[in-house]
Structures are given as structure tokens and as C-alpha cells.
Amino acid sequence: MRDRHVLCTGGTGGLGSKVTTALVRRGARVTVPVYARKEADRLLADLGPSATHVMLVEADLRDEAKVAELVAGMPRLDALVHLVGGFATGPTASFSLTQYREQVDLNLTITFLAIKHALGRMQAAGYGRIVTVASRAALEPSGQSSVYSACKAAVLAFTRAVADETRGTGITANCVLPSIIDTPANRAAMGDAEASKWVKPERLAETIAFLASDEAGDLRGSAVQVYGSA
């Protein structure tokens, strides 16, 4: 991926920092929209000298004008790796409309905006890689997570529809479906008794980076299940 330009949304988080590192290690130049500056500073420190391959841009991805400005400001856009999402659980009967809308915005609306604006540049160039992250819940929904599961199923369907829409071009779209990812946040929320079975973010990052590369040109509309031992 030497000198490929990648937009990596959510590229400073528990998974995102590993994905950004994997992309940089392959030679990519990565633009990362920043919402929490503390995480961004930690990412740059972890990258060391390789941090020169990362451009941090403050942007609220819920604002379409900001997304359009972010995409237009890149020298070119070879790949979109979209990692932004949110998780909330609760009984359906007591799940508020406000919680529902937050889940839809975080998991689906931002996905739509990122892909919409990235796709325009990719179509003009005749090349692109789009990688989204849904969840095992997209295929195996469970109680207490009805809205989250529905949103992630929609992310998968949206990605596959884009893959079909771009068939016959140099653009691909694929979706990764992880089970629980072994991040500090998930350990804090769920304990670490089962953590040995969870997906390691470093290994998941390698799968995502591959899908964003030239070599993945024959993969289109795939739902890549990365479940670890769970």
C-alpha cells in the first residue's frame, strides 16, 4: 500500500489505533478524523517516527458538510476504512427513542455519509477500497441488543449494496464482522474472564488492512467473520 491514501474513521480507538498502525506499516498515508484529542496524541506517540504518515483532522462525522470537506481535502482517496460505531444494550420495551436515534446515527448514518462522499472520489479515479466493520450481531442477533443488531445488519446490507453498485469497476466494498474485540474498554465493561477467546485487535487489523489493499481486488461484498474462539 505504499503511497496509497487511506481515510480511516475511528482510527484512534482501541481497534482503530491498531488498524492505523497496520496501514502505516504497509506504507499507506492515513488521514484520521479526530474527535477525542487524547486518543490521537496516544496514537502519534505509539507510531513514533512513522507518525509522519498520519494526518489528523478535527471533524464531526455526523455533519455532512464536515465529511465532504474532509474527503475533498485529501490529495486523493484510495481506500476508506470505516470503524466508527457505538454499542448500547437494553430491553427493547424500555429502549428510548433518543437511544435508538443515537445508535442509528453512530452505526448507520455516519457509515452512509463516509461512503457517499468517499465513493464520489473513487468513481472519478476508477479505483477504491471500502471496508466497513459490522458485528457478529448482524448475523446472530440477540436479546437486549435489538437496535444495535439491526444497525449492524444494516451496515452489512449497505456495504453489500455498494459492492453490487460498483461491480465491474476498480472499486470494492467488504464488511468485517468481529465478535467481542479484546480492548481495554471491553475488559472494563465485561471483565476479562473470557478475554482469551476474544478477537485480538492486532490480528483483526491485519484482516482489515488486507481488504483495503490492492491484493483484495477480487473480494467484493464479503461478510468476513472474525470470531476468535468465542
Protein backbone atom coordinates (compact mmCIF):
# COMPACT_ATOMS: atom_id res chain seq x y z
CA MET A 1 0.00 0.00 0.00
CA ARG A 2 2.98 2.29 -0.45
CA ASP A 3 1.79 5.86 -1.02
CA ARG A 4 -1.87 4.82 -1.05
CA HIS A 5 -4.05 7.42 0.68
CA VAL A 6 -6.49 5.99 3.22
CA LEU A 7 -9.25 7.64 5.21
CA CYS A 8 -9.58 5.73 8.48
CA THR A 9 -12.54 6.85 10.56
CA GLY A 10 -12.30 5.85 14.20
CA GLY A 11 -8.57 5.41 13.64
CA THR A 12 -7.51 6.39 17.16
CA GLY A 13 -9.58 3.93 19.24
CA GLY A 14 -8.82 0.53 20.72
CA LEU A 15 -9.18 -1.18 17.33
CA GLY A 16 -8.58 1.91 15.21
CA SER A 17 -5.09 2.58 16.52
CA LYS A 18 -4.07 -0.95 15.54
CA VAL A 19 -5.62 -0.53 12.10
CA THR A 20 -3.87 2.79 11.55
CA THR A 21 -0.58 1.19 12.58
CA ALA A 22 -1.12 -1.75 10.22
CA LEU A 23 -1.88 0.59 7.32
CA VAL A 24 1.15 2.78 8.02
CA ARG A 25 3.37 -0.28 8.27
CA ARG A 26 2.30 -1.17 4.72
CA GLY A 27 3.37 2.26 3.51
CA ALA A 28 -0.03 3.95 3.38
CA ARG A 29 -0.63 7.60 4.19
CA VAL A 30 -3.56 7.72 6.58
CA THR A 31 -5.97 10.56 7.28
CA VAL A 32 -7.71 10.17 10.64
CA PRO A 33 -10.63 12.36 11.69
CA VAL A 34 -10.24 13.30 15.35
CA TYR A 35 -12.95 13.65 17.94
CA ALA A 36 -11.03 12.91 21.19
CA ARG A 37 -7.63 14.59 21.14
CA LYS A 38 -6.26 12.47 23.98
CA GLU A 39 -6.58 9.28 21.93
CA ALA A 40 -5.00 11.00 18.92
CA ASP A 41 -1.94 12.04 20.92
CA ARG A 42 -1.55 8.48 22.21
CA LEU A 43 -1.69 7.13 18.65
CA LEU A 44 1.05 9.51 17.47
CA ALA A 45 3.24 8.56 20.42
CA ASP A 46 2.80 4.85 19.66
CA LEU A 47 3.67 5.37 15.98
CA GLY A 48 6.91 7.22 16.74
CA PRO A 49 8.76 8.29 13.56
CA SER A 50 6.03 6.69 11.41
CA ALA A 51 3.60 9.33 12.68
CA THR A 52 4.66 11.47 9.71
CA HIS A 53 2.45 9.18 7.59
CA VAL A 54 -0.66 10.16 9.57
CA MET A 55 -2.70 13.33 9.12
CA LEU A 56 -5.09 14.18 11.97
CA VAL A 57 -8.10 16.30 11.04
CA GLU A 58 -10.70 17.55 13.52
CA ALA A 59 -14.12 16.60 12.18
CA ASP A 60 -17.59 15.72 13.44
CA LEU A 61 -18.64 12.89 11.14
CA ARG A 62 -22.32 13.47 11.95
CA ASP A 63 -22.10 16.72 9.98
CA GLU A 64 -22.31 16.05 6.22
CA ALA A 65 -20.59 19.31 5.34
CA LYS A 66 -17.63 18.34 7.53
CA VAL A 67 -17.44 14.88 5.96
CA ALA A 68 -17.49 16.40 2.47
CA GLU A 69 -14.76 18.87 3.46
CA LEU A 70 -12.67 16.09 4.99
CA VAL A 71 -12.83 13.93 1.85
CA ALA A 72 -12.25 16.84 -0.53
CA GLY A 73 -9.17 17.90 1.45
CA MET A 74 -7.28 14.65 0.82
CA PRO A 75 -4.75 14.56 -2.06
CA ARG A 76 -6.61 11.50 -3.29
CA LEU A 77 -8.65 8.73 -1.70
CA ASP A 78 -7.64 5.16 -2.45
CA ALA A 79 -9.34 3.44 0.49
CA LEU A 80 -11.94 4.12 3.14
CA VAL A 81 -11.68 2.11 6.34
CA HIS A 82 -14.76 2.94 8.36
CA LEU A 83 -14.54 1.91 12.01
CA VAL A 84 -16.86 4.35 13.76
CA GLY A 85 -19.72 2.77 15.68
CA GLY A 86 -21.40 2.59 19.05
CA PHE A 87 -22.83 -0.12 21.31
CA ALA A 88 -25.80 0.13 23.64
CA THR A 89 -27.92 -2.61 25.14
CA GLY A 90 -31.20 -2.77 26.97
CA PRO A 91 -34.65 -4.31 26.83
CA THR A 92 -36.46 -3.27 23.67
CA ALA A 93 -39.59 -2.25 25.61
CA SER A 94 -37.65 0.32 27.64
CA PHE A 95 -35.17 1.47 24.98
CA SER A 96 -35.78 5.18 24.46
CA LEU A 97 -36.24 6.89 21.13
CA THR A 98 -33.23 9.07 21.97
CA GLN A 99 -31.06 5.96 22.49
CA TYR A 100 -32.39 4.49 19.26
CA ARG A 101 -31.54 7.60 17.25
CA GLU A 102 -28.05 7.73 18.78
CA GLN A 103 -27.44 4.14 17.72
CA VAL A 104 -28.69 4.75 14.19
CA ASP A 105 -26.55 7.88 13.84
CA LEU A 106 -23.37 6.26 15.18
CA ASN A 107 -23.69 2.97 13.35
CA LEU A 108 -25.54 3.71 10.13
CA THR A 109 -25.86 7.41 9.32
CA ILE A 110 -22.13 8.06 9.67
CA THR A 111 -21.45 4.97 7.54
CA PHE A 112 -23.71 6.38 4.83
CA LEU A 113 -22.03 9.80 4.89
CA ALA A 114 -18.48 8.42 4.83
CA ILE A 115 -19.16 6.02 1.97
CA LYS A 116 -21.25 8.51 0.00
CA HIS A 117 -18.51 11.12 -0.16
CA ALA A 118 -15.60 8.68 -0.47
CA LEU A 119 -17.35 6.87 -3.32
CA GLY A 120 -17.61 10.01 -5.40
CA ARG A 121 -13.84 10.47 -5.41
CA MET A 122 -13.20 6.78 -6.00
CA GLN A 123 -15.52 6.69 -9.00
CA ALA A 124 -13.76 9.69 -10.51
CA ALA A 125 -10.42 7.86 -10.13
CA GLY A 126 -11.69 4.43 -11.18
CA TYR A 127 -10.20 2.79 -8.07
CA GLY A 128 -11.11 2.32 -4.44
CA ARG A 129 -11.36 0.03 -1.46
CA ILE A 130 -14.17 0.37 1.07
CA VAL A 131 -14.00 -1.60 4.31
CA THR A 132 -16.69 -1.39 6.98
CA VAL A 133 -16.98 -3.03 10.37
CA ALA A 134 -20.30 -4.50 11.47
CA SER A 135 -20.56 -7.21 14.12
CA ARG A 136 -21.33 -10.84 14.67
CA ALA A 137 -24.68 -9.49 15.89
CA ALA A 138 -25.52 -8.62 12.28
CA LEU A 139 -25.87 -12.34 11.57
CA GLU A 140 -26.64 -13.61 15.08
CA PRO A 141 -28.82 -11.01 16.80
CA SER A 142 -29.57 -11.48 20.47
CA GLY A 143 -31.91 -10.14 23.12
CA GLN A 144 -31.05 -6.89 24.87
CA SER A 145 -29.30 -5.66 21.72
CA SER A 146 -32.11 -5.43 19.18
CA VAL A 147 -31.33 -1.91 17.97
CA TYR A 148 -27.57 -2.47 17.83
CA SER A 149 -28.05 -5.76 15.98
CA ALA A 150 -30.42 -4.14 13.48
CA CYS A 151 -27.99 -1.28 12.85
CA LYS A 152 -25.08 -3.63 12.23
CA ALA A 153 -27.20 -5.78 9.92
CA ALA A 154 -27.97 -2.58 8.02
CA VAL A 155 -24.25 -1.74 7.77
CA LEU A 156 -23.62 -5.15 6.21
CA ALA A 157 -26.54 -4.76 3.78
CA PHE A 158 -25.45 -1.24 2.86
CA THR A 159 -21.89 -2.40 2.17
CA ARG A 160 -23.07 -5.28 0.01
CA ALA A 161 -25.37 -2.99 -1.94
CA VAL A 162 -22.46 -0.64 -2.64
CA ALA A 163 -20.36 -3.62 -3.72
CA ASP A 164 -23.06 -4.56 -6.23
CA GLU A 165 -23.43 -0.94 -7.37
CA THR A 166 -19.70 -0.74 -8.14
CA ARG A 167 -19.45 -4.15 -9.84
CA GLY A 168 -17.24 -4.02 -12.92
CA THR A 169 -15.21 -1.09 -11.65
CA GLY A 170 -11.93 -0.88 -9.78
CA ILE A 171 -13.84 -0.27 -6.55
CA THR A 172 -14.62 -2.94 -3.96
CA ALA A 173 -16.63 -2.91 -0.74
CA ASN A 174 -16.37 -5.52 2.01
CA CYS A 175 -17.52 -5.81 5.61
CA VAL A 176 -15.77 -7.35 8.61
CA LEU A 177 -17.89 -8.97 11.32
CA PRO A 178 -15.97 -9.41 14.58
CA SER A 179 -17.22 -10.95 17.78
CA ILE A 180 -16.05 -9.30 21.04
CA ILE A 181 -12.78 -7.43 20.48
CA ASP A 182 -10.17 -7.59 23.22
CA THR A 183 -9.89 -3.87 24.00
CA PRO A 184 -9.37 -2.16 27.38
CA ALA A 185 -12.89 -0.74 27.15
CA ASN A 186 -14.46 -4.18 26.67
CA ARG A 187 -12.42 -5.66 29.52
CA ALA A 188 -13.54 -2.83 31.77
CA ALA A 189 -17.18 -3.34 30.80
CA MET A 190 -17.32 -7.15 30.81
CA GLY A 191 -14.36 -8.32 32.86
CA ASP A 192 -11.56 -10.43 31.43
CA ALA A 193 -12.56 -13.96 32.41
CA GLU A 194 -13.32 -14.85 28.77
CA ALA A 195 -10.88 -12.42 27.16
CA SER A 196 -8.61 -15.21 25.90
CA LYS A 197 -11.41 -16.17 23.48
CA TRP A 198 -11.94 -12.67 22.14
CA VAL A 199 -10.60 -11.28 18.90
CA LYS A 200 -7.20 -9.61 19.26
CA PRO A 201 -7.32 -6.12 17.73
CA GLU A 202 -3.85 -6.52 16.19
CA ARG A 203 -4.97 -9.59 14.21
CA LEU A 204 -8.28 -8.04 13.22
CA ALA A 205 -6.34 -5.01 12.00
CA GLU A 206 -4.34 -7.23 9.64
CA THR A 207 -7.55 -8.55 8.07
CA ILE A 208 -8.90 -5.02 7.62
CA ALA A 209 -5.63 -3.75 6.14
CA PHE A 210 -5.61 -6.60 3.64
CA LEU A 211 -9.14 -5.76 2.50
CA ALA A 212 -8.00 -2.16 1.98
CA SER A 213 -5.08 -3.21 -0.22
CA ASP A 214 -4.60 -3.84 -3.93
CA GLU A 215 -4.36 -7.59 -3.29
CA ALA A 216 -8.01 -7.77 -2.19
CA GLY A 217 -9.31 -6.74 -5.61
CA ASP A 218 -11.22 -10.00 -6.13
CA LEU A 219 -13.18 -9.70 -2.88
CA ARG A 220 -16.47 -7.89 -3.25
CA GLY A 221 -19.48 -7.79 -0.93
CA SER A 222 -17.88 -10.23 1.50
CA ALA A 223 -19.00 -10.64 5.11
CA VAL A 224 -15.71 -11.62 6.73
CA GLN A 225 -16.41 -13.36 10.03
CA VAL A 226 -13.64 -12.83 12.60
CA TYR A 227 -14.84 -14.56 15.75
CA GLY A 228 -11.68 -15.69 17.52
CA SER A 229 -12.54 -18.59 19.82
CA ALA A 230 -15.83 -17.15 21.04
